[in-house]
Amino acid sequence: MNRTALALASLLALAACGSDHTEGVSTATVAEPAAAAAPAAEPTAAAPAARETLQIDRASSSVGFTGAKITATHDGSFSDFAGTIDLNPADVTASAVRITVQMASLSIEPAQLSTHLLTPDFFDAPQFPTATFESTAVRAGGEGQVGGQPATHTVTGNLTMRGTTRAVSFPAIVSVEPTGVRAQSEFTINRRDFGIVYPGMPDDLIRDEVVIRFDVRAPRSAS
């Protein structure tokens, strides 16, 4: 056997002896060197969808609540509020909503109840004139219903009322159309979590659970 053949045989034998140690280990793929060529053009990434900052339309939106005591239930609403929806039209879960409510714009019957709710017993509007909500996450899918319809999303965010901020999560129906965005929700909070602890009359105690209800719409600019 000449020297070249002997060297080749030795290399094959060494490869066979070493194969036991690499069983089950992924082998990296190494491409053969290619002939020199002009650099290929980088693929063009798809342009991200333009984000839209939409103003909530107060005329077609509503923000309200329902409170109850042993003998009665009262539905209230606020006429003065403003906010934005930062819309990612390609991915609703990357969107956000912010809203500020002027507490003095409260409307509820009877009139004396409206006056009482604005005092330190409840909202203390002179010291805390606004309530705010700012979302921190929007997740597809939601448990529960809104207005008798299945929720489409779960919204999480910070609710601030009477100077106290709490993280809340609630089901919502979110719809995006070429002409606008609509977000609806109905959920319950415990008023005591926000420092509203007035008990009511001894024979007509106020319930701790308050239903928050909103239906906000924001028009989109015509393309």
N, C-alpha and C. Protein backbone atom coordinates (compact mmCIF):
# COMPACT_ATOMS: atom_id res chain seq x y z
N MET A 1 0.87 -1.19 0.00
CA MET A 1 0.00 0.00 0.00
C MET A 1 0.90 1.24 0.00
N ASN A 2 0.62 2.20 -0.92
CA ASN A 2 1.47 3.38 -0.95
C ASN A 2 1.09 4.33 0.17
N ARG A 3 1.85 5.39 0.37
CA ARG A 3 1.63 6.29 1.51
C ARG A 3 0.30 7.02 1.41
N THR A 4 -0.09 7.38 0.22
CA THR A 4 -1.37 8.11 0.06
C THR A 4 -2.53 7.25 0.47
N ALA A 5 -2.56 5.98 0.04
CA ALA A 5 -3.65 5.06 0.39
C ALA A 5 -3.65 4.81 1.88
N LEU A 6 -2.45 4.67 2.50
CA LEU A 6 -2.37 4.42 3.93
C LEU A 6 -2.94 5.60 4.73
N ALA A 7 -2.65 6.82 4.31
CA ALA A 7 -3.15 8.01 5.00
C ALA A 7 -4.65 8.09 4.91
N LEU A 8 -5.20 7.74 3.73
CA LEU A 8 -6.65 7.79 3.55
C LEU A 8 -7.33 6.77 4.44
N ALA A 9 -6.78 5.57 4.51
CA ALA A 9 -7.35 4.52 5.35
C ALA A 9 -7.32 4.93 6.82
N SER A 10 -6.27 5.58 7.26
CA SER A 10 -6.15 6.01 8.66
C SER A 10 -7.21 7.04 9.00
N LEU A 11 -7.48 7.97 8.08
CA LEU A 11 -8.47 8.99 8.32
C LEU A 11 -9.86 8.39 8.45
N LEU A 12 -10.19 7.42 7.58
CA LEU A 12 -11.49 6.74 7.64
C LEU A 12 -11.65 6.00 8.95
N ALA A 13 -10.58 5.38 9.44
CA ALA A 13 -10.65 4.63 10.69
C ALA A 13 -10.89 5.57 11.87
N LEU A 14 -10.24 6.72 11.89
CA LEU A 14 -10.43 7.67 12.95
C LEU A 14 -11.86 8.20 12.97
N ALA A 15 -12.44 8.45 11.79
CA ALA A 15 -13.82 8.93 11.71
C ALA A 15 -14.77 7.91 12.27
N ALA A 16 -14.56 6.64 11.97
CA ALA A 16 -15.43 5.58 12.45
C ALA A 16 -15.36 5.46 13.97
N CYS A 17 -14.18 5.61 14.56
CA CYS A 17 -14.01 5.50 16.01
C CYS A 17 -14.70 6.66 16.73
N GLY A 18 -14.72 7.85 16.14
CA GLY A 18 -15.28 9.01 16.81
C GLY A 18 -16.78 9.13 16.66
N SER A 19 -17.48 8.34 15.84
CA SER A 19 -18.89 8.52 15.58
C SER A 19 -19.75 8.23 16.78
N ASP A 20 -19.34 7.41 17.74
CA ASP A 20 -20.15 7.05 18.90
C ASP A 20 -20.41 8.26 19.80
N HIS A 21 -19.53 9.24 19.82
CA HIS A 21 -19.61 10.35 20.75
C HIS A 21 -20.57 11.44 20.28
N THR A 22 -21.08 11.40 19.06
CA THR A 22 -21.95 12.45 18.54
C THR A 22 -23.36 11.94 18.31
N GLU A 23 -23.69 10.76 18.76
CA GLU A 23 -25.03 10.22 18.56
C GLU A 23 -26.03 11.07 19.34
N GLY A 24 -27.10 11.50 18.64
CA GLY A 24 -28.14 12.30 19.27
C GLY A 24 -27.85 13.77 19.30
N VAL A 25 -26.73 14.22 18.85
CA VAL A 25 -26.39 15.64 18.84
C VAL A 25 -26.66 16.19 17.46
N SER A 26 -27.39 17.31 17.42
CA SER A 26 -27.71 17.89 16.12
C SER A 26 -26.45 18.37 15.44
N THR A 27 -26.45 18.16 14.17
CA THR A 27 -25.29 18.56 13.39
C THR A 27 -25.55 19.89 12.73
N ALA A 28 -24.64 20.81 12.90
CA ALA A 28 -24.80 22.10 12.26
C ALA A 28 -24.65 21.95 10.78
N THR A 29 -25.48 22.69 10.06
CA THR A 29 -25.41 22.67 8.60
C THR A 29 -24.42 23.72 8.16
N VAL A 30 -23.43 23.28 7.43
CA VAL A 30 -22.41 24.19 6.92
C VAL A 30 -22.47 24.18 5.42
N ALA A 31 -22.70 25.33 4.83
CA ALA A 31 -22.81 25.40 3.37
C ALA A 31 -21.44 25.38 2.75
N GLU A 32 -21.36 24.78 1.55
CA GLU A 32 -20.10 24.81 0.80
C GLU A 32 -19.83 26.24 0.35
N PRO A 33 -18.55 26.61 0.31
CA PRO A 33 -18.24 27.97 -0.15
C PRO A 33 -18.77 28.18 -1.56
N ALA A 34 -19.44 29.34 -1.78
CA ALA A 34 -20.00 29.62 -3.09
C ALA A 34 -19.03 30.48 -3.87
N ALA A 35 -19.20 30.41 -5.19
CA ALA A 35 -18.37 31.23 -6.05
C ALA A 35 -18.68 32.70 -5.78
N ALA A 36 -17.68 33.54 -5.91
CA ALA A 36 -17.87 34.96 -5.66
C ALA A 36 -18.95 35.50 -6.57
N ALA A 37 -19.87 36.27 -6.01
CA ALA A 37 -20.96 36.85 -6.80
C ALA A 37 -21.35 38.18 -6.17
N ALA A 38 -22.12 38.93 -6.92
CA ALA A 38 -22.58 40.21 -6.40
C ALA A 38 -23.49 39.98 -5.20
N PRO A 39 -23.36 40.77 -4.14
CA PRO A 39 -24.21 40.59 -2.95
C PRO A 39 -25.68 40.68 -3.32
N ALA A 40 -26.45 39.75 -2.73
CA ALA A 40 -27.89 39.75 -3.00
C ALA A 40 -28.53 40.92 -2.26
N ALA A 41 -29.57 41.46 -2.86
CA ALA A 41 -30.28 42.57 -2.23
C ALA A 41 -31.02 42.07 -1.01
N GLU A 42 -30.99 42.87 0.07
CA GLU A 42 -31.70 42.51 1.28
C GLU A 42 -33.20 42.53 1.01
N PRO A 43 -33.95 41.52 1.54
CA PRO A 43 -35.40 41.55 1.32
C PRO A 43 -36.01 42.76 2.00
N THR A 44 -36.99 43.35 1.36
CA THR A 44 -37.64 44.53 1.89
C THR A 44 -38.68 44.13 2.91
N ALA A 45 -38.54 44.59 4.15
CA ALA A 45 -39.50 44.25 5.20
C ALA A 45 -40.81 44.99 4.96
N ALA A 46 -41.90 44.32 5.29
CA ALA A 46 -43.20 44.94 5.13
C ALA A 46 -43.30 46.14 6.07
N ALA A 47 -43.83 47.22 5.57
CA ALA A 47 -43.96 48.42 6.39
C ALA A 47 -44.98 48.17 7.49
N PRO A 48 -44.64 48.55 8.74
CA PRO A 48 -45.60 48.35 9.83
C PRO A 48 -46.86 49.19 9.61
N ALA A 49 -47.98 48.66 10.07
CA ALA A 49 -49.23 49.39 9.92
C ALA A 49 -49.14 50.71 10.69
N ALA A 50 -49.60 51.76 10.06
CA ALA A 50 -49.54 53.08 10.71
C ALA A 50 -50.49 53.11 11.88
N ARG A 51 -50.00 53.57 13.03
CA ARG A 51 -50.85 53.70 14.21
C ARG A 51 -51.73 54.94 14.05
N GLU A 52 -52.91 54.87 14.59
CA GLU A 52 -53.86 55.96 14.50
C GLU A 52 -54.26 56.39 15.92
N THR A 53 -54.17 57.66 16.19
CA THR A 53 -54.65 58.20 17.45
C THR A 53 -56.01 58.82 17.20
N LEU A 54 -57.03 58.17 17.74
CA LEU A 54 -58.41 58.56 17.47
C LEU A 54 -59.02 59.23 18.71
N GLN A 55 -59.77 60.27 18.49
CA GLN A 55 -60.45 60.97 19.58
C GLN A 55 -61.81 60.32 19.83
N ILE A 56 -62.09 60.05 21.10
CA ILE A 56 -63.40 59.50 21.45
C ILE A 56 -64.48 60.54 21.18
N ASP A 57 -65.52 60.12 20.50
CA ASP A 57 -66.62 61.01 20.16
C ASP A 57 -67.65 61.00 21.30
N ARG A 58 -67.70 62.06 22.06
CA ARG A 58 -68.56 62.11 23.23
C ARG A 58 -70.04 62.02 22.84
N ALA A 59 -70.40 62.59 21.70
CA ALA A 59 -71.81 62.62 21.32
C ALA A 59 -72.38 61.23 21.09
N SER A 60 -71.55 60.29 20.62
CA SER A 60 -72.04 58.94 20.33
C SER A 60 -71.57 57.91 21.36
N SER A 61 -70.94 58.38 22.43
CA SER A 61 -70.40 57.49 23.47
C SER A 61 -71.16 57.70 24.78
N SER A 62 -70.95 56.78 25.70
CA SER A 62 -71.58 56.92 27.01
C SER A 62 -70.71 56.29 28.09
N VAL A 63 -70.74 56.88 29.27
CA VAL A 63 -70.03 56.37 30.44
C VAL A 63 -70.99 56.46 31.63
N GLY A 64 -71.19 55.35 32.31
CA GLY A 64 -72.14 55.38 33.41
C GLY A 64 -71.91 54.28 34.42
N PHE A 65 -72.82 54.17 35.38
CA PHE A 65 -72.67 53.18 36.44
C PHE A 65 -74.05 52.88 37.02
N THR A 66 -74.12 51.80 37.78
CA THR A 66 -75.32 51.45 38.53
C THR A 66 -74.92 51.13 39.95
N GLY A 67 -75.51 51.83 40.89
CA GLY A 67 -75.30 51.58 42.31
C GLY A 67 -76.61 51.14 42.94
N ALA A 68 -76.52 50.45 44.06
CA ALA A 68 -77.74 49.95 44.67
C ALA A 68 -77.64 49.97 46.19
N LYS A 69 -78.79 50.09 46.79
CA LYS A 69 -78.92 49.90 48.24
C LYS A 69 -80.03 48.88 48.45
N ILE A 70 -80.38 48.62 49.68
CA ILE A 70 -81.36 47.56 49.95
C ILE A 70 -82.69 47.85 49.27
N THR A 71 -83.12 49.10 49.25
CA THR A 71 -84.47 49.42 48.78
C THR A 71 -84.55 49.92 47.34
N ALA A 72 -83.40 50.23 46.70
CA ALA A 72 -83.49 50.84 45.37
C ALA A 72 -82.19 50.64 44.60
N THR A 73 -82.33 50.81 43.28
CA THR A 73 -81.18 50.79 42.38
C THR A 73 -81.17 52.10 41.60
N HIS A 74 -79.98 52.67 41.40
CA HIS A 74 -79.87 53.96 40.73
C HIS A 74 -78.86 53.87 39.59
N ASP A 75 -79.28 54.33 38.42
CA ASP A 75 -78.40 54.40 37.24
C ASP A 75 -77.90 55.83 37.07
N GLY A 76 -76.58 55.98 37.01
CA GLY A 76 -76.00 57.30 36.82
C GLY A 76 -75.17 57.36 35.55
N SER A 77 -74.91 58.57 35.08
CA SER A 77 -74.08 58.75 33.88
C SER A 77 -73.29 60.04 34.00
N PHE A 78 -72.28 60.17 33.14
CA PHE A 78 -71.45 61.37 33.09
C PHE A 78 -71.52 61.94 31.69
N SER A 79 -71.75 63.24 31.61
CA SER A 79 -71.89 63.87 30.29
C SER A 79 -70.61 64.48 29.76
N ASP A 80 -69.62 64.66 30.65
CA ASP A 80 -68.38 65.31 30.24
C ASP A 80 -67.21 64.35 30.41
N PHE A 81 -66.70 63.86 29.31
CA PHE A 81 -65.53 62.97 29.33
C PHE A 81 -64.82 63.10 27.99
N ALA A 82 -63.56 62.73 27.98
CA ALA A 82 -62.75 62.82 26.76
C ALA A 82 -61.66 61.76 26.83
N GLY A 83 -61.16 61.39 25.66
CA GLY A 83 -60.09 60.39 25.64
C GLY A 83 -59.67 60.03 24.23
N THR A 84 -58.75 59.09 24.16
CA THR A 84 -58.23 58.66 22.87
C THR A 84 -58.16 57.14 22.81
N ILE A 85 -58.21 56.64 21.60
CA ILE A 85 -57.89 55.25 21.32
C ILE A 85 -56.69 55.24 20.38
N ASP A 86 -55.58 54.69 20.86
CA ASP A 86 -54.39 54.54 20.01
C ASP A 86 -54.53 53.19 19.31
N LEU A 87 -54.91 53.23 18.06
CA LEU A 87 -55.26 52.02 17.32
C LEU A 87 -54.10 51.51 16.49
N ASN A 88 -53.82 50.21 16.63
CA ASN A 88 -52.96 49.51 15.69
C ASN A 88 -53.90 48.66 14.83
N PRO A 89 -54.23 49.10 13.62
CA PRO A 89 -55.24 48.40 12.82
C PRO A 89 -54.84 46.99 12.43
N ALA A 90 -53.54 46.69 12.44
CA ALA A 90 -53.09 45.34 12.09
C ALA A 90 -53.14 44.39 13.27
N ASP A 91 -53.20 44.94 14.49
CA ASP A 91 -53.19 44.11 15.69
C ASP A 91 -53.87 44.87 16.82
N VAL A 92 -55.15 44.58 17.02
CA VAL A 92 -55.92 45.31 18.02
C VAL A 92 -55.31 45.17 19.41
N THR A 93 -54.66 44.03 19.69
CA THR A 93 -54.08 43.82 21.02
C THR A 93 -52.90 44.75 21.29
N ALA A 94 -52.40 45.42 20.27
CA ALA A 94 -51.32 46.39 20.46
C ALA A 94 -51.87 47.81 20.54
N SER A 95 -53.17 47.93 20.74
CA SER A 95 -53.82 49.24 20.86
C SER A 95 -53.98 49.62 22.32
N ALA A 96 -54.43 50.85 22.56
CA ALA A 96 -54.60 51.33 23.94
C ALA A 96 -55.72 52.35 23.98
N VAL A 97 -56.32 52.49 25.15
CA VAL A 97 -57.38 53.48 25.35
C VAL A 97 -57.12 54.29 26.60
N ARG A 98 -57.42 55.57 26.56
CA ARG A 98 -57.30 56.45 27.71
C ARG A 98 -58.57 57.30 27.78
N ILE A 99 -59.09 57.49 28.97
CA ILE A 99 -60.30 58.30 29.11
C ILE A 99 -60.27 59.03 30.45
N THR A 100 -60.74 60.26 30.43
CA THR A 100 -60.85 61.08 31.64
C THR A 100 -62.29 61.55 31.78
N VAL A 101 -62.86 61.35 32.96
CA VAL A 101 -64.25 61.70 33.23
C VAL A 101 -64.29 62.84 34.23
N GLN A 102 -65.07 63.85 33.93
CA GLN A 102 -65.28 64.97 34.86
C GLN A 102 -66.42 64.59 35.81
N MET A 103 -66.09 64.40 37.09
CA MET A 103 -67.06 63.87 38.04
C MET A 103 -68.25 64.82 38.26
N ALA A 104 -68.04 66.12 38.13
CA ALA A 104 -69.11 67.09 38.35
C ALA A 104 -70.20 67.00 37.28
N SER A 105 -69.93 66.27 36.20
CA SER A 105 -70.93 66.14 35.13
C SER A 105 -71.90 64.99 35.40
N LEU A 106 -71.89 64.48 36.62
CA LEU A 106 -72.76 63.38 37.02
C LEU A 106 -74.23 63.74 36.86
N SER A 107 -74.99 62.77 36.37
CA SER A 107 -76.43 62.92 36.28
C SER A 107 -77.08 61.66 36.84
N ILE A 108 -77.96 61.82 37.83
CA ILE A 108 -78.64 60.68 38.45
C ILE A 108 -79.90 61.19 39.13
N GLU A 109 -80.85 60.35 39.26
CA GLU A 109 -82.09 60.71 39.94
C GLU A 109 -82.18 59.95 41.27
N PRO A 110 -82.74 60.61 42.28
CA PRO A 110 -83.24 61.99 42.33
C PRO A 110 -82.11 63.01 42.44
N ALA A 111 -82.46 64.28 42.29
CA ALA A 111 -81.46 65.35 42.26
C ALA A 111 -80.65 65.41 43.55
N GLN A 112 -81.28 65.15 44.69
CA GLN A 112 -80.53 65.23 45.95
C GLN A 112 -79.48 64.14 46.05
N LEU A 113 -79.72 63.02 45.37
CA LEU A 113 -78.71 61.96 45.35
C LEU A 113 -77.49 62.40 44.56
N SER A 114 -77.72 63.10 43.45
CA SER A 114 -76.61 63.62 42.65
C SER A 114 -75.73 64.54 43.49
N THR A 115 -76.36 65.41 44.26
CA THR A 115 -75.61 66.33 45.11
C THR A 115 -74.82 65.57 46.17
N HIS A 116 -75.44 64.55 46.77
CA HIS A 116 -74.77 63.79 47.82
C HIS A 116 -73.58 63.00 47.27
N LEU A 117 -73.71 62.43 46.08
CA LEU A 117 -72.63 61.62 45.51
C LEU A 117 -71.37 62.44 45.24
N LEU A 118 -71.50 63.73 45.07
CA LEU A 118 -70.33 64.57 44.79
C LEU A 118 -69.61 65.03 46.05
N THR A 119 -70.17 64.72 47.21
CA THR A 119 -69.57 65.13 48.48
C THR A 119 -68.48 64.14 48.92
N PRO A 120 -67.75 64.45 50.00
CA PRO A 120 -66.73 63.52 50.50
C PRO A 120 -67.27 62.16 50.93
N ASP A 121 -68.57 62.03 51.12
CA ASP A 121 -69.13 60.72 51.44
C ASP A 121 -68.91 59.72 50.30
N PHE A 122 -68.84 60.26 49.07
CA PHE A 122 -68.71 59.39 47.90
C PHE A 122 -67.52 59.83 47.02
N PHE A 123 -67.80 60.55 45.93
CA PHE A 123 -66.74 60.86 44.96
C PHE A 123 -65.82 61.99 45.42
N ASP A 124 -66.30 62.85 46.30
CA ASP A 124 -65.52 64.01 46.75
C ASP A 124 -64.99 64.79 45.54
N ALA A 125 -65.92 65.19 44.68
CA ALA A 125 -65.55 65.85 43.42
C ALA A 125 -64.76 67.15 43.60
N PRO A 126 -65.02 67.96 44.64
CA PRO A 126 -64.20 69.17 44.78
C PRO A 126 -62.71 68.86 44.93
N GLN A 127 -62.38 67.80 45.66
CA GLN A 127 -60.96 67.46 45.84
C GLN A 127 -60.43 66.56 44.73
N PHE A 128 -61.29 65.69 44.18
CA PHE A 128 -60.87 64.77 43.12
C PHE A 128 -61.81 64.95 41.93
N PRO A 129 -61.57 65.98 41.12
CA PRO A 129 -62.55 66.34 40.08
C PRO A 129 -62.63 65.37 38.90
N THR A 130 -61.65 64.49 38.76
CA THR A 130 -61.68 63.58 37.61
C THR A 130 -61.48 62.14 38.04
N ALA A 131 -61.98 61.25 37.20
CA ALA A 131 -61.65 59.82 37.27
C ALA A 131 -61.03 59.46 35.93
N THR A 132 -60.04 58.56 35.95
CA THR A 132 -59.35 58.22 34.71
C THR A 132 -59.20 56.71 34.56
N PHE A 133 -59.12 56.28 33.32
CA PHE A 133 -58.77 54.90 33.02
C PHE A 133 -57.74 54.92 31.89
N GLU A 134 -56.68 54.11 32.08
CA GLU A 134 -55.64 53.99 31.05
C GLU A 134 -55.28 52.51 30.93
N SER A 135 -55.50 51.96 29.75
CA SER A 135 -55.24 50.54 29.56
C SER A 135 -53.75 50.25 29.52
N THR A 136 -53.39 49.06 29.99
CA THR A 136 -52.01 48.59 29.93
C THR A 136 -51.86 47.35 29.06
N ALA A 137 -52.96 46.67 28.77
CA ALA A 137 -52.90 45.47 27.94
C ALA A 137 -54.29 45.19 27.36
N VAL A 138 -54.29 44.67 26.16
CA VAL A 138 -55.53 44.22 25.51
C VAL A 138 -55.25 42.81 25.01
N ARG A 139 -56.06 41.85 25.46
CA ARG A 139 -55.85 40.45 25.07
C ARG A 139 -57.05 39.94 24.30
N ALA A 140 -56.80 39.22 23.23
CA ALA A 140 -57.88 38.63 22.46
C ALA A 140 -58.58 37.56 23.29
N GLY A 141 -59.89 37.54 23.23
CA GLY A 141 -60.66 36.58 24.01
C GLY A 141 -61.06 37.18 25.34
N GLY A 142 -62.30 36.93 25.74
CA GLY A 142 -62.76 37.47 27.01
C GLY A 142 -63.85 36.59 27.59
N GLU A 143 -63.82 36.44 28.90
CA GLU A 143 -64.85 35.64 29.57
C GLU A 143 -66.01 36.54 29.97
N GLY A 144 -67.21 36.07 29.75
CA GLY A 144 -68.39 36.85 30.11
C GLY A 144 -69.02 37.49 28.90
N GLN A 145 -70.05 38.27 29.17
CA GLN A 145 -70.80 38.92 28.11
C GLN A 145 -70.89 40.42 28.37
N VAL A 146 -71.16 41.14 27.30
CA VAL A 146 -71.38 42.59 27.38
C VAL A 146 -72.66 42.86 26.61
N GLY A 147 -73.67 43.33 27.32
CA GLY A 147 -74.94 43.59 26.66
C GLY A 147 -75.55 42.36 26.03
N GLY A 148 -75.32 41.20 26.65
CA GLY A 148 -75.89 39.96 26.13
C GLY A 148 -75.09 39.32 25.02
N GLN A 149 -73.96 39.93 24.63
CA GLN A 149 -73.11 39.39 23.57
C GLN A 149 -71.79 38.91 24.16
N PRO A 150 -71.20 37.83 23.60
CA PRO A 150 -69.91 37.35 24.12
C PRO A 150 -68.81 38.40 23.96
N ALA A 151 -67.98 38.52 24.97
CA ALA A 151 -66.84 39.45 24.89
C ALA A 151 -65.84 38.97 23.85
N THR A 152 -65.19 39.90 23.20
CA THR A 152 -64.16 39.57 22.21
C THR A 152 -62.75 39.74 22.76
N HIS A 153 -62.60 40.56 23.79
CA HIS A 153 -61.27 40.86 24.33
C HIS A 153 -61.34 41.01 25.85
N THR A 154 -60.17 40.97 26.47
CA THR A 154 -60.02 41.31 27.88
C THR A 154 -59.10 42.52 27.97
N VAL A 155 -59.56 43.55 28.63
CA VAL A 155 -58.79 44.79 28.76
C VAL A 155 -58.29 44.91 30.20
N THR A 156 -57.03 45.22 30.36
CA THR A 156 -56.43 45.45 31.67
C THR A 156 -55.89 46.87 31.71
N GLY A 157 -56.05 47.52 32.84
CA GLY A 157 -55.53 48.88 32.94
C GLY A 157 -55.65 49.43 34.34
N ASN A 158 -55.32 50.70 34.48
CA ASN A 158 -55.34 51.39 35.77
C ASN A 158 -56.54 52.32 35.84
N LEU A 159 -57.40 52.06 36.83
CA LEU A 159 -58.56 52.91 37.08
C LEU A 159 -58.26 53.76 38.30
N THR A 160 -58.38 55.08 38.13
CA THR A 160 -58.12 56.01 39.23
C THR A 160 -59.41 56.75 39.55
N MET A 161 -59.81 56.67 40.80
CA MET A 161 -61.02 57.34 41.25
C MET A 161 -60.84 57.75 42.70
N ARG A 162 -61.25 58.96 43.00
CA ARG A 162 -61.12 59.51 44.35
C ARG A 162 -59.67 59.46 44.85
N GLY A 163 -58.74 59.64 43.92
CA GLY A 163 -57.32 59.68 44.26
C GLY A 163 -56.68 58.33 44.48
N THR A 164 -57.41 57.24 44.24
CA THR A 164 -56.88 55.89 44.43
C THR A 164 -56.82 55.18 43.09
N THR A 165 -55.69 54.53 42.81
CA THR A 165 -55.52 53.80 41.55
C THR A 165 -55.49 52.31 41.83
N ARG A 166 -56.26 51.57 41.06
CA ARG A 166 -56.29 50.12 41.15
C ARG A 166 -56.19 49.54 39.74
N ALA A 167 -55.48 48.41 39.62
CA ALA A 167 -55.42 47.69 38.36
C ALA A 167 -56.70 46.86 38.23
N VAL A 168 -57.36 46.96 37.09
CA VAL A 168 -58.59 46.22 36.85
C VAL A 168 -58.50 45.51 35.50
N SER A 169 -59.20 44.38 35.38
CA SER A 169 -59.31 43.67 34.11
C SER A 169 -60.79 43.37 33.89
N PHE A 170 -61.23 43.50 32.66
CA PHE A 170 -62.65 43.29 32.40
C PHE A 170 -62.85 42.86 30.94
N PRO A 171 -63.97 42.16 30.68
CA PRO A 171 -64.28 41.75 29.31
C PRO A 171 -64.80 42.94 28.51
N ALA A 172 -64.57 42.90 27.23
CA ALA A 172 -65.01 43.99 26.36
C ALA A 172 -65.33 43.44 24.97
N ILE A 173 -66.17 44.18 24.27
CA ILE A 173 -66.40 43.92 22.85
C ILE A 173 -65.71 45.05 22.10
N VAL A 174 -64.72 44.72 21.32
CA VAL A 174 -63.97 45.70 20.55
C VAL A 174 -64.17 45.42 19.07
N SER A 175 -64.62 46.40 18.34
CA SER A 175 -64.82 46.23 16.89
C SER A 175 -64.13 47.35 16.15
N VAL A 176 -63.45 46.98 15.08
CA VAL A 176 -62.72 47.95 14.24
C VAL A 176 -63.32 47.91 12.84
N GLU A 177 -63.82 49.04 12.40
CA GLU A 177 -64.40 49.18 11.07
C GLU A 177 -63.65 50.28 10.32
N PRO A 178 -63.79 50.32 9.00
CA PRO A 178 -63.12 51.39 8.25
C PRO A 178 -63.52 52.79 8.70
N THR A 179 -64.73 52.92 9.25
CA THR A 179 -65.21 54.25 9.64
C THR A 179 -64.95 54.58 11.11
N GLY A 180 -64.59 53.59 11.92
CA GLY A 180 -64.37 53.89 13.32
C GLY A 180 -64.15 52.67 14.19
N VAL A 181 -63.88 52.94 15.47
CA VAL A 181 -63.63 51.89 16.46
C VAL A 181 -64.68 52.04 17.56
N ARG A 182 -65.14 50.89 18.05
CA ARG A 182 -66.11 50.90 19.15
C ARG A 182 -65.64 49.93 20.23
N ALA A 183 -65.71 50.36 21.49
CA ALA A 183 -65.36 49.50 22.62
C ALA A 183 -66.48 49.58 23.65
N GLN A 184 -67.00 48.41 24.05
CA GLN A 184 -68.09 48.34 25.01
C GLN A 184 -67.69 47.42 26.16
N SER A 185 -68.13 47.78 27.35
CA SER A 185 -67.87 46.91 28.49
C SER A 185 -68.88 47.16 29.60
N GLU A 186 -68.98 46.16 30.47
CA GLU A 186 -69.82 46.24 31.66
C GLU A 186 -69.17 45.33 32.69
N PHE A 187 -68.77 45.90 33.82
CA PHE A 187 -68.07 45.11 34.82
C PHE A 187 -68.32 45.71 36.20
N THR A 188 -67.99 44.94 37.22
CA THR A 188 -68.27 45.34 38.60
C THR A 188 -66.98 45.65 39.35
N ILE A 189 -67.01 46.71 40.14
CA ILE A 189 -65.91 47.03 41.04
C ILE A 189 -66.47 47.10 42.47
N ASN A 190 -65.57 47.02 43.44
CA ASN A 190 -65.94 47.22 44.83
C ASN A 190 -65.60 48.67 45.20
N ARG A 191 -66.60 49.45 45.54
CA ARG A 191 -66.38 50.88 45.80
C ARG A 191 -65.38 51.12 46.94
N ARG A 192 -65.32 50.18 47.88
CA ARG A 192 -64.41 50.35 49.02
C ARG A 192 -62.94 50.30 48.58
N ASP A 193 -62.66 49.65 47.45
CA ASP A 193 -61.29 49.62 46.94
C ASP A 193 -60.80 51.01 46.55
N PHE A 194 -61.76 51.94 46.36
CA PHE A 194 -61.41 53.30 45.95
C PHE A 194 -61.73 54.31 47.05
N GLY A 195 -61.82 53.84 48.28
CA GLY A 195 -62.00 54.73 49.41
C GLY A 195 -63.42 55.25 49.58
N ILE A 196 -64.39 54.66 48.90
CA ILE A 196 -65.78 55.09 49.05
C ILE A 196 -66.43 54.13 50.05
N VAL A 197 -66.52 54.56 51.30
CA VAL A 197 -66.91 53.64 52.38
C VAL A 197 -68.19 54.06 53.10
N TYR A 198 -68.83 55.13 52.64
CA TYR A 198 -70.07 55.57 53.29
C TYR A 198 -71.07 54.42 53.30
N PRO A 199 -71.59 54.03 54.47
CA PRO A 199 -72.41 52.81 54.54
C PRO A 199 -73.86 53.00 54.13
N GLY A 200 -74.37 54.21 54.19
CA GLY A 200 -75.80 54.43 53.98
C GLY A 200 -76.53 54.44 55.31
N MET A 201 -77.84 54.50 55.23
CA MET A 201 -78.66 54.52 56.44
C MET A 201 -78.69 53.13 57.07
N PRO A 202 -78.77 53.04 58.39
CA PRO A 202 -78.75 51.73 59.05
C PRO A 202 -79.81 50.77 58.54
N ASP A 203 -80.97 51.31 58.13
CA ASP A 203 -82.03 50.43 57.63
C ASP A 203 -82.08 50.38 56.11
N ASP A 204 -81.05 50.95 55.43
CA ASP A 204 -81.03 50.97 53.96
C ASP A 204 -79.58 51.03 53.48
N LEU A 205 -78.82 50.01 53.84
CA LEU A 205 -77.39 50.00 53.57
C LEU A 205 -77.09 49.96 52.07
N ILE A 206 -75.97 50.61 51.70
CA ILE A 206 -75.54 50.67 50.29
C ILE A 206 -74.67 49.47 49.98
N ARG A 207 -74.90 48.85 48.85
CA ARG A 207 -74.12 47.69 48.44
C ARG A 207 -72.72 48.14 48.01
N ASP A 208 -71.74 47.30 48.25
CA ASP A 208 -70.35 47.63 47.89
C ASP A 208 -70.11 47.51 46.39
N GLU A 209 -70.83 46.62 45.71
CA GLU A 209 -70.59 46.38 44.29
C GLU A 209 -71.25 47.47 43.45
N VAL A 210 -70.48 48.02 42.55
CA VAL A 210 -70.98 49.04 41.62
C VAL A 210 -70.67 48.57 40.20
N VAL A 211 -71.66 48.65 39.34
CA VAL A 211 -71.47 48.25 37.94
C VAL A 211 -71.00 49.46 37.14
N ILE A 212 -69.85 49.30 36.47
CA ILE A 212 -69.32 50.34 35.58
C ILE A 212 -69.72 49.95 34.15
N ARG A 213 -70.17 50.92 33.39
CA ARG A 213 -70.66 50.62 32.05
C ARG A 213 -70.16 51.70 31.09
N PHE A 214 -69.56 51.27 29.98
CA PHE A 214 -69.19 52.28 28.97
C PHE A 214 -69.36 51.74 27.56
N ASP A 215 -69.60 52.66 26.66
CA ASP A 215 -69.72 52.36 25.24
C ASP A 215 -69.09 53.55 24.53
N VAL A 216 -67.84 53.39 24.09
CA VAL A 216 -67.13 54.53 23.49
C VAL A 216 -66.85 54.26 22.01
N ARG A 217 -66.97 55.31 21.25
CA ARG A 217 -66.74 55.23 19.79
C ARG A 217 -65.77 56.33 19.39
N ALA A 218 -64.92 55.99 18.43
CA ALA A 218 -63.93 56.94 17.92
C ALA A 218 -63.90 56.83 16.40
N PRO A 219 -64.24 57.88 15.68
CA PRO A 219 -64.23 57.81 14.22
C PRO A 219 -62.82 57.80 13.66
N ARG A 220 -62.69 57.13 12.51
CA ARG A 220 -61.41 57.10 11.79
C ARG A 220 -61.50 58.04 10.60
N SER A 221 -60.36 58.63 10.25
CA SER A 221 -60.34 59.53 9.09
C SER A 221 -60.55 58.72 7.83
N ALA A 222 -61.26 59.30 6.88
CA ALA A 222 -61.46 58.62 5.59
C ALA A 222 -60.15 58.50 4.89
N SER A 223 -59.87 57.28 4.31
CA SER A 223 -58.60 57.10 3.63
C SER A 223 -58.62 57.75 2.26
